[in-house]
Amino acid sequence: MSTLSPIEQKKSNFEYIVYKLNDLKNEFQIQDDSIFTKLRLQKLLFLVSTINATSDDKGLLKTFDNFYALPYGPVESDIYNLMNNDDFDNIEFNGNQCNLSKLNENTFNSLDNEYKDLVNDSIEKLKEKGVIKEYLEMPVFDLVNITHQWTVWQVAMSIAKMLNSGSESMSTDDIINSSVKAY
């Protein structure tokens, strides 16, 4: 059982996802060292978190449970705030760019193996779909367009516009039950 607070757990779990995505970047021999921007990481977090989520097992959405619809797609609000405050232990943000020099395998020795399995299974599912390499290489606004296809985002943004707001909450149940899910 973890003694970390929920936000500390969320931070550590997010860093593990980024670590695994960076491994894929290296595996696919993607040379662009600046691909991990705040925007790309938010879109990838949404897609990784949702790929295996079901009504019976929310999977990664149990951890990443604070998504909002914003103009550039779904954003996990807690992670967004941590990014903007540069408040991670092993990832640094300079403006929109992400520095991963502190991440290594040993960083995650104490991370729950069940959680690692959830992440690994989700990333593997995206690999099986043949999309994860594309996600790492495509222009970031193509990723934005993918997340804009989700019905849950469209409905939430419509509500935000009606309320003259820039964002609207997206519950994990609404995300799971989105009638259109694009990957």
N, C-alpha and C. Protein backbone atom coordinates (compact mmCIF):
# COMPACT_ATOMS: atom_id res chain seq x y z
N MET A 1 0.84 -1.19 0.00
CA MET A 1 0.00 0.00 0.00
C MET A 1 0.88 1.24 0.00
N SER A 2 0.57 2.19 -0.86
CA SER A 2 1.37 3.38 -1.00
C SER A 2 1.09 4.37 0.12
N THR A 3 2.17 5.00 0.59
CA THR A 3 2.03 6.03 1.61
C THR A 3 2.01 7.42 0.98
N LEU A 4 2.06 7.47 -0.35
CA LEU A 4 2.05 8.75 -1.04
C LEU A 4 0.64 9.34 -1.04
N SER A 5 0.58 10.66 -1.01
CA SER A 5 -0.71 11.33 -1.16
C SER A 5 -1.22 11.06 -2.58
N PRO A 6 -2.53 11.25 -2.82
CA PRO A 6 -3.05 11.01 -4.17
C PRO A 6 -2.34 11.84 -5.25
N ILE A 7 -2.00 13.09 -4.95
CA ILE A 7 -1.34 13.92 -5.97
C ILE A 7 0.10 13.45 -6.18
N GLU A 8 0.78 13.02 -5.12
CA GLU A 8 2.14 12.50 -5.26
C GLU A 8 2.12 11.20 -6.07
N GLN A 9 1.11 10.38 -5.83
CA GLN A 9 0.95 9.13 -6.59
C GLN A 9 0.70 9.45 -8.06
N LYS A 10 -0.14 10.43 -8.31
CA LYS A 10 -0.45 10.83 -9.69
C LYS A 10 0.81 11.33 -10.39
N LYS A 11 1.61 12.12 -9.69
CA LYS A 11 2.88 12.62 -10.25
C LYS A 11 3.79 11.47 -10.65
N SER A 12 3.98 10.55 -9.74
CA SER A 12 4.86 9.42 -9.98
C SER A 12 4.34 8.56 -11.14
N ASN A 13 3.06 8.33 -11.16
CA ASN A 13 2.45 7.53 -12.22
C ASN A 13 2.59 8.20 -13.58
N PHE A 14 2.41 9.52 -13.62
CA PHE A 14 2.58 10.26 -14.87
C PHE A 14 4.03 10.17 -15.34
N GLU A 15 4.96 10.33 -14.42
CA GLU A 15 6.37 10.24 -14.80
C GLU A 15 6.70 8.87 -15.39
N TYR A 16 6.07 7.83 -14.87
CA TYR A 16 6.30 6.50 -15.42
C TYR A 16 5.77 6.41 -16.86
N ILE A 17 4.62 6.97 -17.11
CA ILE A 17 4.08 6.99 -18.48
C ILE A 17 5.05 7.71 -19.41
N VAL A 18 5.54 8.86 -18.98
CA VAL A 18 6.48 9.62 -19.81
C VAL A 18 7.76 8.82 -20.04
N TYR A 19 8.23 8.14 -19.00
CA TYR A 19 9.41 7.29 -19.13
C TYR A 19 9.19 6.22 -20.20
N LYS A 20 8.04 5.56 -20.15
CA LYS A 20 7.73 4.50 -21.12
C LYS A 20 7.59 5.08 -22.54
N LEU A 21 7.00 6.26 -22.66
CA LEU A 21 6.89 6.90 -23.98
C LEU A 21 8.27 7.28 -24.52
N ASN A 22 9.14 7.71 -23.63
CA ASN A 22 10.51 8.03 -24.05
C ASN A 22 11.24 6.77 -24.50
N ASP A 23 11.00 5.65 -23.82
CA ASP A 23 11.56 4.37 -24.27
C ASP A 23 11.11 4.06 -25.70
N LEU A 24 9.84 4.29 -25.97
CA LEU A 24 9.32 4.03 -27.32
C LEU A 24 9.96 4.97 -28.34
N LYS A 25 10.13 6.21 -27.96
CA LYS A 25 10.80 7.17 -28.84
C LYS A 25 12.17 6.63 -29.24
N ASN A 26 12.89 6.11 -28.26
CA ASN A 26 14.21 5.54 -28.54
C ASN A 26 14.10 4.26 -29.35
N GLU A 27 13.13 3.41 -29.02
CA GLU A 27 12.93 2.16 -29.76
C GLU A 27 12.63 2.42 -31.23
N PHE A 28 11.82 3.44 -31.49
CA PHE A 28 11.45 3.79 -32.86
C PHE A 28 12.49 4.68 -33.53
N GLN A 29 13.56 4.99 -32.81
CA GLN A 29 14.65 5.82 -33.31
C GLN A 29 14.17 7.18 -33.81
N ILE A 30 13.28 7.78 -33.03
CA ILE A 30 12.79 9.13 -33.34
C ILE A 30 13.84 10.09 -32.81
N GLN A 31 14.41 10.89 -33.70
CA GLN A 31 15.55 11.73 -33.35
C GLN A 31 15.17 13.06 -32.71
N ASP A 32 13.94 13.47 -32.83
CA ASP A 32 13.52 14.78 -32.34
C ASP A 32 13.51 14.80 -30.81
N ASP A 33 14.45 15.51 -30.22
CA ASP A 33 14.54 15.58 -28.76
C ASP A 33 13.52 16.53 -28.15
N SER A 34 12.80 17.26 -28.98
CA SER A 34 11.84 18.24 -28.44
C SER A 34 10.39 17.81 -28.63
N ILE A 35 10.15 16.52 -28.90
CA ILE A 35 8.77 16.11 -29.16
C ILE A 35 7.90 16.14 -27.93
N PHE A 36 8.49 16.01 -26.74
CA PHE A 36 7.67 15.96 -25.54
C PHE A 36 7.39 17.36 -25.02
N THR A 37 6.30 17.90 -25.53
CA THR A 37 5.82 19.19 -25.07
C THR A 37 4.66 18.96 -24.11
N LYS A 38 4.28 19.98 -23.39
CA LYS A 38 3.14 19.87 -22.49
C LYS A 38 1.90 19.42 -23.25
N LEU A 39 1.66 20.01 -24.40
CA LEU A 39 0.46 19.68 -25.17
C LEU A 39 0.48 18.23 -25.64
N ARG A 40 1.59 17.78 -26.21
CA ARG A 40 1.67 16.39 -26.68
C ARG A 40 1.50 15.42 -25.50
N LEU A 41 2.15 15.71 -24.39
CA LEU A 41 2.05 14.82 -23.23
C LEU A 41 0.62 14.75 -22.70
N GLN A 42 -0.11 15.85 -22.74
CA GLN A 42 -1.51 15.83 -22.30
C GLN A 42 -2.35 14.97 -23.23
N LYS A 43 -2.15 15.09 -24.53
CA LYS A 43 -2.93 14.28 -25.48
C LYS A 43 -2.56 12.80 -25.32
N LEU A 44 -1.26 12.51 -25.20
CA LEU A 44 -0.84 11.12 -25.02
C LEU A 44 -1.36 10.54 -23.70
N LEU A 45 -1.35 11.35 -22.65
CA LEU A 45 -1.88 10.89 -21.36
C LEU A 45 -3.35 10.49 -21.51
N PHE A 46 -4.13 11.31 -22.20
CA PHE A 46 -5.54 11.00 -22.40
C PHE A 46 -5.69 9.68 -23.18
N LEU A 47 -4.97 9.53 -24.26
CA LEU A 47 -5.11 8.35 -25.10
C LEU A 47 -4.60 7.08 -24.40
N VAL A 48 -3.49 7.18 -23.69
CA VAL A 48 -2.98 6.04 -22.93
C VAL A 48 -3.95 5.67 -21.81
N SER A 49 -4.50 6.67 -21.14
CA SER A 49 -5.39 6.42 -20.00
C SER A 49 -6.73 5.82 -20.40
N THR A 50 -7.16 6.05 -21.61
CA THR A 50 -8.50 5.63 -22.02
C THR A 50 -8.55 4.33 -22.81
N ILE A 51 -7.44 3.91 -23.39
CA ILE A 51 -7.45 2.79 -24.34
C ILE A 51 -8.00 1.50 -23.73
N ASN A 52 -7.75 1.24 -22.47
CA ASN A 52 -8.22 0.00 -21.85
C ASN A 52 -9.31 0.22 -20.81
N ALA A 53 -9.77 1.44 -20.65
CA ALA A 53 -10.77 1.75 -19.62
C ALA A 53 -12.15 1.23 -20.02
N THR A 54 -12.79 0.57 -19.08
CA THR A 54 -14.15 0.07 -19.29
C THR A 54 -15.00 0.43 -18.06
N SER A 55 -16.28 0.23 -18.17
CA SER A 55 -17.16 0.46 -17.03
C SER A 55 -16.82 -0.46 -15.86
N ASP A 56 -16.39 -1.68 -16.19
CA ASP A 56 -16.04 -2.64 -15.14
C ASP A 56 -14.66 -2.41 -14.54
N ASP A 57 -13.76 -1.85 -15.33
CA ASP A 57 -12.39 -1.59 -14.86
C ASP A 57 -11.88 -0.30 -15.49
N LYS A 58 -11.88 0.75 -14.71
CA LYS A 58 -11.47 2.06 -15.21
C LYS A 58 -9.97 2.15 -15.50
N GLY A 59 -9.21 1.20 -15.03
CA GLY A 59 -7.78 1.16 -15.32
C GLY A 59 -7.08 2.44 -14.92
N LEU A 60 -6.38 3.05 -15.85
CA LEU A 60 -5.62 4.27 -15.57
C LEU A 60 -6.51 5.46 -15.24
N LEU A 61 -7.78 5.39 -15.62
CA LEU A 61 -8.70 6.50 -15.28
C LEU A 61 -9.03 6.52 -13.79
N LYS A 62 -8.66 5.47 -13.05
CA LYS A 62 -8.78 5.53 -11.59
C LYS A 62 -7.78 6.54 -11.04
N THR A 63 -6.62 6.63 -11.67
CA THR A 63 -5.59 7.58 -11.24
C THR A 63 -5.80 8.93 -11.90
N PHE A 64 -5.93 8.92 -13.21
CA PHE A 64 -6.08 10.16 -13.97
C PHE A 64 -7.57 10.41 -14.16
N ASP A 65 -8.14 11.05 -13.14
CA ASP A 65 -9.60 11.16 -13.01
C ASP A 65 -10.11 12.59 -12.99
N ASN A 66 -9.30 13.51 -13.49
CA ASN A 66 -9.68 14.92 -13.41
C ASN A 66 -9.51 15.59 -14.77
N PHE A 67 -10.11 14.99 -15.79
CA PHE A 67 -10.01 15.53 -17.15
C PHE A 67 -11.03 16.64 -17.38
N TYR A 68 -10.57 17.65 -18.11
CA TYR A 68 -11.43 18.75 -18.54
C TYR A 68 -11.31 18.90 -20.04
N ALA A 69 -12.39 19.31 -20.67
CA ALA A 69 -12.36 19.65 -22.08
C ALA A 69 -11.89 21.09 -22.18
N LEU A 70 -10.81 21.30 -22.91
CA LEU A 70 -10.28 22.63 -23.21
C LEU A 70 -10.22 22.77 -24.73
N PRO A 71 -10.01 23.96 -25.24
CA PRO A 71 -10.02 24.14 -26.69
C PRO A 71 -9.06 23.23 -27.46
N TYR A 72 -7.93 22.85 -26.86
CA TYR A 72 -6.99 21.96 -27.55
C TYR A 72 -7.16 20.51 -27.15
N GLY A 73 -8.33 20.16 -26.61
CA GLY A 73 -8.62 18.78 -26.30
C GLY A 73 -8.63 18.51 -24.80
N PRO A 74 -8.76 17.24 -24.43
CA PRO A 74 -8.82 16.86 -23.02
C PRO A 74 -7.51 17.13 -22.29
N VAL A 75 -7.64 17.60 -21.08
CA VAL A 75 -6.48 17.91 -20.24
C VAL A 75 -6.75 17.36 -18.84
N GLU A 76 -5.78 16.64 -18.30
CA GLU A 76 -5.87 16.17 -16.92
C GLU A 76 -5.44 17.35 -16.06
N SER A 77 -6.37 17.94 -15.37
CA SER A 77 -6.17 19.21 -14.68
C SER A 77 -5.05 19.17 -13.64
N ASP A 78 -4.99 18.11 -12.86
CA ASP A 78 -3.94 18.02 -11.84
C ASP A 78 -2.55 17.98 -12.49
N ILE A 79 -2.42 17.20 -13.54
CA ILE A 79 -1.14 17.11 -14.26
C ILE A 79 -0.83 18.44 -14.93
N TYR A 80 -1.83 19.07 -15.49
CA TYR A 80 -1.65 20.39 -16.12
C TYR A 80 -1.09 21.39 -15.11
N ASN A 81 -1.66 21.42 -13.92
CA ASN A 81 -1.18 22.35 -12.89
C ASN A 81 0.24 22.00 -12.46
N LEU A 82 0.54 20.73 -12.32
CA LEU A 82 1.90 20.32 -11.97
C LEU A 82 2.89 20.71 -13.05
N MET A 83 2.50 20.56 -14.31
CA MET A 83 3.36 20.97 -15.42
C MET A 83 3.63 22.48 -15.36
N ASN A 84 2.58 23.24 -15.19
CA ASN A 84 2.73 24.70 -15.21
C ASN A 84 3.52 25.22 -14.02
N ASN A 85 3.50 24.48 -12.92
CA ASN A 85 4.28 24.86 -11.74
C ASN A 85 5.65 24.18 -11.70
N ASP A 86 5.96 23.40 -12.76
CA ASP A 86 7.20 22.63 -12.83
C ASP A 86 7.43 21.90 -11.51
N ASP A 87 6.41 21.14 -11.13
CA ASP A 87 6.36 20.53 -9.80
C ASP A 87 6.50 19.01 -9.84
N PHE A 88 7.32 18.50 -10.76
CA PHE A 88 7.59 17.08 -10.81
C PHE A 88 8.95 16.80 -10.18
N ASP A 89 9.16 15.58 -9.75
CA ASP A 89 10.42 15.20 -9.14
C ASP A 89 11.48 14.84 -10.17
N ASN A 90 11.06 14.23 -11.28
CA ASN A 90 12.02 13.68 -12.24
C ASN A 90 11.85 14.20 -13.66
N ILE A 91 10.97 15.14 -13.85
CA ILE A 91 10.75 15.77 -15.15
C ILE A 91 10.82 17.27 -14.91
N GLU A 92 11.50 17.96 -15.81
CA GLU A 92 11.56 19.42 -15.71
C GLU A 92 10.92 20.02 -16.96
N PHE A 93 10.23 21.12 -16.75
CA PHE A 93 9.62 21.83 -17.87
C PHE A 93 10.27 23.19 -18.01
N ASN A 94 10.78 23.45 -19.21
CA ASN A 94 11.27 24.78 -19.58
C ASN A 94 10.31 25.32 -20.61
N GLY A 95 9.44 26.22 -20.19
CA GLY A 95 8.38 26.66 -21.10
C GLY A 95 7.51 25.47 -21.41
N ASN A 96 7.37 25.17 -22.69
CA ASN A 96 6.54 24.02 -23.10
C ASN A 96 7.34 22.74 -23.26
N GLN A 97 8.66 22.83 -23.24
CA GLN A 97 9.51 21.67 -23.47
C GLN A 97 9.76 20.89 -22.19
N CYS A 98 9.92 19.60 -22.36
CA CYS A 98 10.10 18.67 -21.26
C CYS A 98 11.53 18.15 -21.26
N ASN A 99 12.20 18.19 -20.11
CA ASN A 99 13.54 17.64 -19.95
C ASN A 99 13.42 16.36 -19.14
N LEU A 100 13.87 15.26 -19.73
CA LEU A 100 13.72 13.94 -19.10
C LEU A 100 15.03 13.38 -18.58
N SER A 101 16.04 14.21 -18.44
CA SER A 101 17.38 13.71 -18.10
C SER A 101 17.43 13.00 -16.75
N LYS A 102 16.51 13.26 -15.85
CA LYS A 102 16.52 12.61 -14.53
C LYS A 102 15.81 11.25 -14.52
N LEU A 103 15.08 10.94 -15.59
CA LEU A 103 14.33 9.68 -15.63
C LEU A 103 15.24 8.51 -15.97
N ASN A 104 15.14 7.44 -15.20
CA ASN A 104 15.80 6.19 -15.52
C ASN A 104 15.03 5.06 -14.86
N GLU A 105 15.38 3.84 -15.21
CA GLU A 105 14.65 2.66 -14.71
C GLU A 105 14.56 2.64 -13.18
N ASN A 106 15.63 3.05 -12.51
CA ASN A 106 15.67 3.00 -11.05
C ASN A 106 14.71 4.01 -10.41
N THR A 107 14.31 5.01 -11.16
CA THR A 107 13.37 6.01 -10.65
C THR A 107 12.08 5.35 -10.17
N PHE A 108 11.74 4.22 -10.77
CA PHE A 108 10.43 3.62 -10.54
C PHE A 108 10.49 2.29 -9.79
N ASN A 109 11.58 2.04 -9.09
CA ASN A 109 11.70 0.79 -8.32
C ASN A 109 10.59 0.63 -7.30
N SER A 110 10.16 1.72 -6.69
CA SER A 110 9.13 1.62 -5.65
C SER A 110 7.70 1.76 -6.19
N LEU A 111 7.58 1.99 -7.49
CA LEU A 111 6.25 2.13 -8.08
C LEU A 111 5.56 0.78 -8.11
N ASP A 112 4.30 0.76 -7.77
CA ASP A 112 3.49 -0.46 -7.71
C ASP A 112 3.52 -1.20 -9.06
N ASN A 113 3.83 -2.49 -9.01
CA ASN A 113 3.91 -3.30 -10.23
C ASN A 113 2.56 -3.41 -10.93
N GLU A 114 1.48 -3.40 -10.17
CA GLU A 114 0.16 -3.44 -10.78
C GLU A 114 -0.07 -2.21 -11.65
N TYR A 115 0.37 -1.06 -11.15
CA TYR A 115 0.24 0.16 -11.94
C TYR A 115 1.12 0.10 -13.19
N LYS A 116 2.36 -0.36 -13.04
CA LYS A 116 3.26 -0.49 -14.19
C LYS A 116 2.61 -1.37 -15.25
N ASP A 117 1.98 -2.47 -14.81
CA ASP A 117 1.31 -3.36 -15.75
C ASP A 117 0.19 -2.66 -16.49
N LEU A 118 -0.58 -1.82 -15.79
CA LEU A 118 -1.65 -1.06 -16.45
C LEU A 118 -1.09 -0.16 -17.55
N VAL A 119 -0.02 0.53 -17.23
CA VAL A 119 0.62 1.41 -18.22
C VAL A 119 1.16 0.60 -19.38
N ASN A 120 1.90 -0.45 -19.07
CA ASN A 120 2.49 -1.27 -20.12
C ASN A 120 1.43 -1.89 -21.02
N ASP A 121 0.33 -2.35 -20.44
CA ASP A 121 -0.77 -2.93 -21.22
C ASP A 121 -1.41 -1.88 -22.12
N SER A 122 -1.59 -0.68 -21.61
CA SER A 122 -2.21 0.39 -22.41
C SER A 122 -1.31 0.79 -23.57
N ILE A 123 -0.04 0.93 -23.30
CA ILE A 123 0.90 1.29 -24.38
C ILE A 123 0.99 0.16 -25.39
N GLU A 124 0.99 -1.08 -24.91
CA GLU A 124 1.03 -2.23 -25.82
C GLU A 124 -0.21 -2.25 -26.73
N LYS A 125 -1.37 -1.92 -26.17
CA LYS A 125 -2.60 -1.88 -26.97
C LYS A 125 -2.49 -0.82 -28.07
N LEU A 126 -1.91 0.35 -27.74
CA LEU A 126 -1.72 1.39 -28.75
C LEU A 126 -0.70 0.94 -29.81
N LYS A 127 0.29 0.17 -29.40
CA LYS A 127 1.25 -0.39 -30.36
C LYS A 127 0.54 -1.38 -31.29
N GLU A 128 -0.31 -2.24 -30.71
CA GLU A 128 -1.06 -3.22 -31.50
C GLU A 128 -1.95 -2.53 -32.53
N LYS A 129 -2.52 -1.39 -32.15
CA LYS A 129 -3.36 -0.63 -33.07
C LYS A 129 -2.52 0.05 -34.15
N GLY A 130 -1.21 0.07 -33.95
CA GLY A 130 -0.30 0.67 -34.92
C GLY A 130 -0.30 2.19 -34.90
N VAL A 131 -0.66 2.79 -33.75
CA VAL A 131 -0.77 4.25 -33.72
C VAL A 131 0.27 4.95 -32.85
N ILE A 132 0.89 4.25 -31.92
CA ILE A 132 1.74 4.94 -30.95
C ILE A 132 2.94 5.61 -31.61
N LYS A 133 3.55 4.95 -32.58
CA LYS A 133 4.69 5.57 -33.28
C LYS A 133 4.24 6.83 -33.99
N GLU A 134 3.08 6.75 -34.64
CA GLU A 134 2.53 7.93 -35.32
C GLU A 134 2.29 9.06 -34.32
N TYR A 135 1.76 8.72 -33.15
CA TYR A 135 1.49 9.74 -32.12
C TYR A 135 2.76 10.47 -31.70
N LEU A 136 3.86 9.73 -31.66
CA LEU A 136 5.12 10.34 -31.26
C LEU A 136 5.73 11.19 -32.38
N GLU A 137 5.38 10.88 -33.62
CA GLU A 137 6.00 11.58 -34.76
C GLU A 137 5.11 12.67 -35.36
N MET A 138 3.81 12.52 -35.27
CA MET A 138 2.91 13.45 -35.98
C MET A 138 2.96 14.84 -35.37
N PRO A 139 2.62 15.84 -36.17
CA PRO A 139 2.49 17.18 -35.60
C PRO A 139 1.49 17.16 -34.45
N VAL A 140 1.79 17.89 -33.40
CA VAL A 140 0.98 17.83 -32.19
C VAL A 140 -0.48 18.21 -32.44
N PHE A 141 -0.73 19.09 -33.40
CA PHE A 141 -2.13 19.48 -33.64
C PHE A 141 -2.91 18.39 -34.35
N ASP A 142 -2.23 17.41 -34.93
CA ASP A 142 -2.93 16.22 -35.43
C ASP A 142 -3.43 15.39 -34.25
N LEU A 143 -2.64 15.33 -33.18
CA LEU A 143 -3.10 14.66 -31.96
C LEU A 143 -4.30 15.39 -31.35
N VAL A 144 -4.24 16.71 -31.37
CA VAL A 144 -5.37 17.51 -30.89
C VAL A 144 -6.61 17.14 -31.67
N ASN A 145 -6.49 17.04 -32.99
CA ASN A 145 -7.64 16.70 -33.84
C ASN A 145 -8.18 15.31 -33.53
N ILE A 146 -7.32 14.37 -33.20
CA ILE A 146 -7.78 13.03 -32.82
C ILE A 146 -8.65 13.12 -31.57
N THR A 147 -8.18 13.86 -30.55
CA THR A 147 -8.96 13.95 -29.31
C THR A 147 -10.23 14.76 -29.50
N HIS A 148 -10.26 15.65 -30.49
CA HIS A 148 -11.47 16.42 -30.77
C HIS A 148 -12.58 15.54 -31.36
N GLN A 149 -12.24 14.36 -31.84
CA GLN A 149 -13.25 13.46 -32.40
C GLN A 149 -14.08 12.78 -31.33
N TRP A 150 -13.58 12.76 -30.11
CA TRP A 150 -14.29 12.10 -29.02
C TRP A 150 -15.57 12.86 -28.70
N THR A 151 -16.68 12.13 -28.66
CA THR A 151 -17.97 12.73 -28.34
C THR A 151 -17.96 13.42 -26.99
N VAL A 152 -17.31 12.81 -26.01
CA VAL A 152 -17.29 13.37 -24.66
C VAL A 152 -16.65 14.76 -24.68
N TRP A 153 -15.59 14.95 -25.46
CA TRP A 153 -14.95 16.27 -25.55
C TRP A 153 -15.90 17.26 -26.25
N GLN A 154 -16.54 16.82 -27.33
CA GLN A 154 -17.43 17.70 -28.08
C GLN A 154 -18.60 18.18 -27.22
N VAL A 155 -19.19 17.28 -26.46
CA VAL A 155 -20.31 17.64 -25.59
C VAL A 155 -19.84 18.60 -24.50
N ALA A 156 -18.73 18.27 -23.87
CA ALA A 156 -18.22 19.13 -22.79
C ALA A 156 -17.87 20.52 -23.31
N MET A 157 -17.27 20.61 -24.49
CA MET A 157 -16.93 21.93 -25.04
C MET A 157 -18.20 22.71 -25.41
N SER A 158 -19.22 22.02 -25.87
CA SER A 158 -20.50 22.69 -26.16
C SER A 158 -21.09 23.29 -24.88
N ILE A 159 -21.01 22.53 -23.80
CA ILE A 159 -21.50 23.03 -22.51
C ILE A 159 -20.66 24.23 -22.07
N ALA A 160 -19.35 24.13 -22.21
CA ALA A 160 -18.46 25.23 -21.83
C ALA A 160 -18.82 26.50 -22.60
N LYS A 161 -19.07 26.35 -23.89
CA LYS A 161 -19.42 27.52 -24.72
C LYS A 161 -20.76 28.12 -24.28
N MET A 162 -21.73 27.26 -23.98
CA MET A 162 -23.03 27.76 -23.51
C MET A 162 -22.89 28.53 -22.20
N LEU A 163 -21.94 28.11 -21.38
CA LEU A 163 -21.72 28.75 -20.09
C LEU A 163 -20.68 29.87 -20.15
N ASN A 164 -20.25 30.20 -21.38
CA ASN A 164 -19.19 31.19 -21.58
C ASN A 164 -17.95 30.87 -20.75
N SER A 165 -17.59 29.61 -20.77
CA SER A 165 -16.42 29.13 -20.03
C SER A 165 -15.42 28.57 -21.02
N GLY A 166 -14.16 28.54 -20.62
CA GLY A 166 -13.12 27.98 -21.49
C GLY A 166 -12.92 26.50 -21.31
N SER A 167 -13.63 25.91 -20.32
CA SER A 167 -13.44 24.48 -20.06
C SER A 167 -14.67 23.90 -19.38
N GLU A 168 -14.73 22.58 -19.42
CA GLU A 168 -15.83 21.87 -18.75
C GLU A 168 -15.31 20.49 -18.34
N SER A 169 -15.71 20.05 -17.18
CA SER A 169 -15.30 18.76 -16.65
C SER A 169 -15.80 17.61 -17.52
N MET A 170 -14.99 16.56 -17.60
CA MET A 170 -15.34 15.32 -18.30
C MET A 170 -15.18 14.19 -17.29
N SER A 171 -16.27 13.62 -16.83
CA SER A 171 -16.17 12.55 -15.84
C SER A 171 -15.57 11.29 -16.47
N THR A 172 -14.98 10.46 -15.64
CA THR A 172 -14.42 9.22 -16.16
C THR A 172 -15.51 8.35 -16.78
N ASP A 173 -16.71 8.35 -16.20
CA ASP A 173 -17.81 7.57 -16.78
C ASP A 173 -18.18 8.11 -18.15
N ASP A 174 -18.23 9.43 -18.29
CA ASP A 174 -18.55 10.02 -19.60
C ASP A 174 -17.47 9.70 -20.62
N ILE A 175 -16.21 9.71 -20.18
CA ILE A 175 -15.12 9.36 -21.09
C ILE A 175 -15.26 7.91 -21.55
N ILE A 176 -15.48 7.01 -20.61
CA ILE A 176 -15.62 5.59 -20.93
C ILE A 176 -16.82 5.35 -21.86
N ASN A 177 -17.89 6.09 -21.65
CA ASN A 177 -19.12 5.90 -22.42
C ASN A 177 -19.21 6.78 -23.67
N SER A 178 -18.13 7.48 -24.02
CA SER A 178 -18.12 8.32 -25.21
C SER A 178 -18.52 7.46 -26.42
N SER A 179 -19.50 7.95 -27.18
CA SER A 179 -19.97 7.15 -28.31
C SER A 179 -18.96 7.12 -29.46
N VAL A 180 -18.11 8.12 -29.54
CA VAL A 180 -17.02 8.11 -30.51
C VAL A 180 -15.71 8.19 -29.73
N LYS A 181 -14.86 7.21 -29.98
CA LYS A 181 -13.52 7.17 -29.40
C LYS A 181 -12.52 7.03 -30.54
N ALA A 182 -11.69 8.00 -30.71
CA ALA A 182 -10.73 7.98 -31.82
C ALA A 182 -9.34 7.66 -31.31
N TYR A 183 -8.67 6.75 -32.00
CA TYR A 183 -7.28 6.41 -31.69
C TYR A 183 -6.49 6.42 -32.96
